[in-house]
């Protein structure tokens, strides 16, 4: 399991969420009618410091992480967060590890 956030994606988060270097973004599993990696769940985000981070990476001076209770969501997978300039948005790409 791993998290990768490209530098342009980190800059997008900084712009959209008003983040600065040293801030933290938590990825977590949440109930959703949409879909992500698992039916009925999608990836949520929150700006908060880690308590018991299972996964973490730093990009653009921001720490991106997932807590232990949410690591089941990525078990056996890696996630790459990339910026799409043509849409001024990000995309989550999952692939098996």
C-alpha atoms as a PDB file:
ATOM      1  CA  UNK A   1       0.000   0.000   0.000  1.00  0.00           C
ATOM      2  CA  UNK A   2       1.281   3.432  -0.816  1.00  0.00           C
ATOM      3  CA  UNK A   3       0.208   6.986  -1.555  1.00  0.00           C
ATOM      4  CA  UNK A   4       1.797   9.179  -4.217  1.00  0.00           C
ATOM      5  CA  UNK A   5       0.758  12.801  -4.761  1.00  0.00           C
ATOM      6  CA  UNK A   6       2.315  14.645  -7.701  1.00  0.00           C
ATOM      7  CA  UNK A   7       3.707  18.141  -7.100  1.00  0.00           C
ATOM      8  CA  UNK A   8       1.050  19.743  -9.359  1.00  0.00           C
ATOM      9  CA  UNK A   9      -1.689  17.863  -7.443  1.00  0.00           C
ATOM     10  CA  UNK A  10      -0.238  19.086  -4.135  1.00  0.00           C
ATOM     11  CA  UNK A  11      -0.296  22.649  -5.478  1.00  0.00           C
ATOM     12  CA  UNK A  12      -3.953  22.161  -6.464  1.00  0.00           C
ATOM     13  CA  UNK A  13      -4.787  21.049  -2.900  1.00  0.00           C
ATOM     14  CA  UNK A  14      -2.922  24.068  -1.513  1.00  0.00           C
ATOM     15  CA  UNK A  15      -4.900  26.420  -3.760  1.00  0.00           C
ATOM     16  CA  UNK A  16      -8.303  24.774  -3.251  1.00  0.00           C
ATOM     17  CA  UNK A  17      -8.019  24.228   0.516  1.00  0.00           C
ATOM     18  CA  UNK A  18      -5.912  27.258   1.414  1.00  0.00           C
ATOM     19  CA  UNK A  19      -3.065  25.060   2.651  1.00  0.00           C
ATOM     20  CA  UNK A  20       0.481  26.073   3.390  1.00  0.00           C
ATOM     21  CA  UNK A  21       3.676  24.097   3.786  1.00  0.00           C
ATOM     22  CA  UNK A  22       3.554  21.969   6.932  1.00  0.00           C
ATOM     23  CA  UNK A  23      -0.192  21.314   6.725  1.00  0.00           C
ATOM     24  CA  UNK A  24      -1.665  17.796   6.644  1.00  0.00           C
ATOM     25  CA  UNK A  25      -4.334  16.212   4.449  1.00  0.00           C
ATOM     26  CA  UNK A  26      -5.972  12.993   5.599  1.00  0.00           C
ATOM     27  CA  UNK A  27      -7.405  10.503   3.106  1.00  0.00           C
ATOM     28  CA  UNK A  28     -10.168   8.333   4.567  1.00  0.00           C
ATOM     29  CA  UNK A  29     -12.791   5.832   3.476  1.00  0.00           C
ATOM     30  CA  UNK A  30     -16.341   7.178   3.572  1.00  0.00           C
ATOM     31  CA  UNK A  31     -19.750   5.828   2.687  1.00  0.00           C
ATOM     32  CA  UNK A  32     -20.787   6.933  -0.778  1.00  0.00           C
ATOM     33  CA  UNK A  33     -23.402   6.103  -3.365  1.00  0.00           C
ATOM     34  CA  UNK A  34     -20.722   6.682  -5.964  1.00  0.00           C
ATOM     35  CA  UNK A  35     -17.830   4.382  -6.122  1.00  0.00           C
ATOM     36  CA  UNK A  36     -14.152   4.292  -5.865  1.00  0.00           C
ATOM     37  CA  UNK A  37     -12.013   1.340  -5.165  1.00  0.00           C
ATOM     38  CA  UNK A  38     -14.776  -0.430  -3.191  1.00  0.00           C
ATOM     39  CA  UNK A  39     -18.527  -0.334  -3.984  1.00  0.00           C
ATOM     40  CA  UNK A  40     -20.405   1.890  -1.548  1.00  0.00           C
ATOM     41  CA  UNK A  41     -17.265   3.766  -0.464  1.00  0.00           C
ATOM     42  CA  UNK A  42     -15.175   6.583  -1.827  1.00  0.00           C
ATOM     43  CA  UNK A  43     -12.153   8.527  -0.729  1.00  0.00           C
ATOM     44  CA  UNK A  44     -12.750  11.523   1.513  1.00  0.00           C
ATOM     45  CA  UNK A  45     -10.291  14.204   2.589  1.00  0.00           C
ATOM     46  CA  UNK A  46      -9.881  16.273   5.724  1.00  0.00           C
ATOM     47  CA  UNK A  47      -7.350  18.876   6.767  1.00  0.00           C
ATOM     48  CA  UNK A  48      -6.102  17.604  10.123  1.00  0.00           C
ATOM     49  CA  UNK A  49      -2.918  16.308  11.720  1.00  0.00           C
ATOM     50  CA  UNK A  50      -2.284  12.554  11.928  1.00  0.00           C
ATOM     51  CA  UNK A  51      -3.017  10.572  15.076  1.00  0.00           C
ATOM     52  CA  UNK A  52      -1.966   7.050  14.016  1.00  0.00           C
ATOM     53  CA  UNK A  53      -0.857   7.331  10.400  1.00  0.00           C
ATOM     54  CA  UNK A  54      -0.425   4.020   8.598  1.00  0.00           C
ATOM     55  CA  UNK A  55       0.633   5.611   5.290  1.00  0.00           C
ATOM     56  CA  UNK A  56       2.144   8.995   4.599  1.00  0.00           C
ATOM     57  CA  UNK A  57       3.900  10.948   1.898  1.00  0.00           C
ATOM     58  CA  UNK A  58       4.964  14.541   1.451  1.00  0.00           C
ATOM     59  CA  UNK A  59       4.530  16.622  -1.663  1.00  0.00           C
ATOM     60  CA  UNK A  60       4.724  20.371  -2.122  1.00  0.00           C
ATOM     61  CA  UNK A  61       5.460  20.758   1.582  1.00  0.00           C
ATOM     62  CA  UNK A  62       2.134  19.137   2.549  1.00  0.00           C
ATOM     63  CA  UNK A  63       1.895  15.780   4.321  1.00  0.00           C
ATOM     64  CA  UNK A  64      -0.735  13.450   2.870  1.00  0.00           C
ATOM     65  CA  UNK A  65      -1.654  10.440   5.010  1.00  0.00           C
ATOM     66  CA  UNK A  66      -4.114   7.683   5.840  1.00  0.00           C
ATOM     67  CA  UNK A  67      -4.875   6.579   9.387  1.00  0.00           C
ATOM     68  CA  UNK A  68      -4.620   2.964  10.544  1.00  0.00           C
ATOM     69  CA  UNK A  69      -8.411   2.524  10.735  1.00  0.00           C
ATOM     70  CA  UNK A  70      -8.728   3.412   7.035  1.00  0.00           C
ATOM     71  CA  UNK A  71      -5.827   1.461   5.564  1.00  0.00           C
ATOM     72  CA  UNK A  72      -8.180  -1.426   4.640  1.00  0.00           C
ATOM     73  CA  UNK A  73      -9.379   0.792   1.798  1.00  0.00           C
ATOM     74  CA  UNK A  74      -5.998   0.596   0.042  1.00  0.00           C
ATOM     75  CA  UNK A  75      -4.987  -2.930   1.054  1.00  0.00           C
ATOM     76  CA  UNK A  76      -3.093  -4.423  -1.882  1.00  0.00           C
ATOM     77  CA  UNK A  77      -3.241  -1.172  -3.882  1.00  0.00           C
ATOM     78  CA  UNK A  78      -1.368   2.031  -4.393  1.00  0.00           C
ATOM     79  CA  UNK A  79      -2.994   5.358  -5.124  1.00  0.00           C
ATOM     80  CA  UNK A  80      -1.569   8.060  -7.335  1.00  0.00           C
ATOM     81  CA  UNK A  81      -3.089  11.529  -7.109  1.00  0.00           C
ATOM     82  CA  UNK A  82      -2.486  13.510 -10.279  1.00  0.00           C
ATOM     83  CA  UNK A  83      -3.464  16.959 -11.535  1.00  0.00           C
ATOM     84  CA  UNK A  84      -5.454  17.365 -14.759  1.00  0.00           C
ATOM     85  CA  UNK A  85      -4.693  20.875 -16.054  1.00  0.00           C
ATOM     86  CA  UNK A  86      -7.340  20.690 -18.776  1.00  0.00           C
ATOM     87  CA  UNK A  87     -10.012  20.377 -16.053  1.00  0.00           C
ATOM     88  CA  UNK A  88      -8.180  22.181 -13.226  1.00  0.00           C
ATOM     89  CA  UNK A  89      -8.949  19.154 -11.074  1.00  0.00           C
ATOM     90  CA  UNK A  90      -7.319  16.055  -9.669  1.00  0.00           C
ATOM     91  CA  UNK A  91      -7.779  12.363 -10.359  1.00  0.00           C
ATOM     92  CA  UNK A  92      -7.209   9.333  -8.150  1.00  0.00           C
ATOM     93  CA  UNK A  93      -5.652   6.380  -9.936  1.00  0.00           C
ATOM     94  CA  UNK A  94      -5.576   3.016  -8.144  1.00  0.00           C
ATOM     95  CA  UNK A  95      -3.379   0.117  -9.198  1.00  0.00           C
ATOM     96  CA  UNK A  96      -2.504  -3.227  -7.598  1.00  0.00           C
ATOM     97  CA  UNK A  97       0.817  -3.436  -5.807  1.00  0.00           C
END
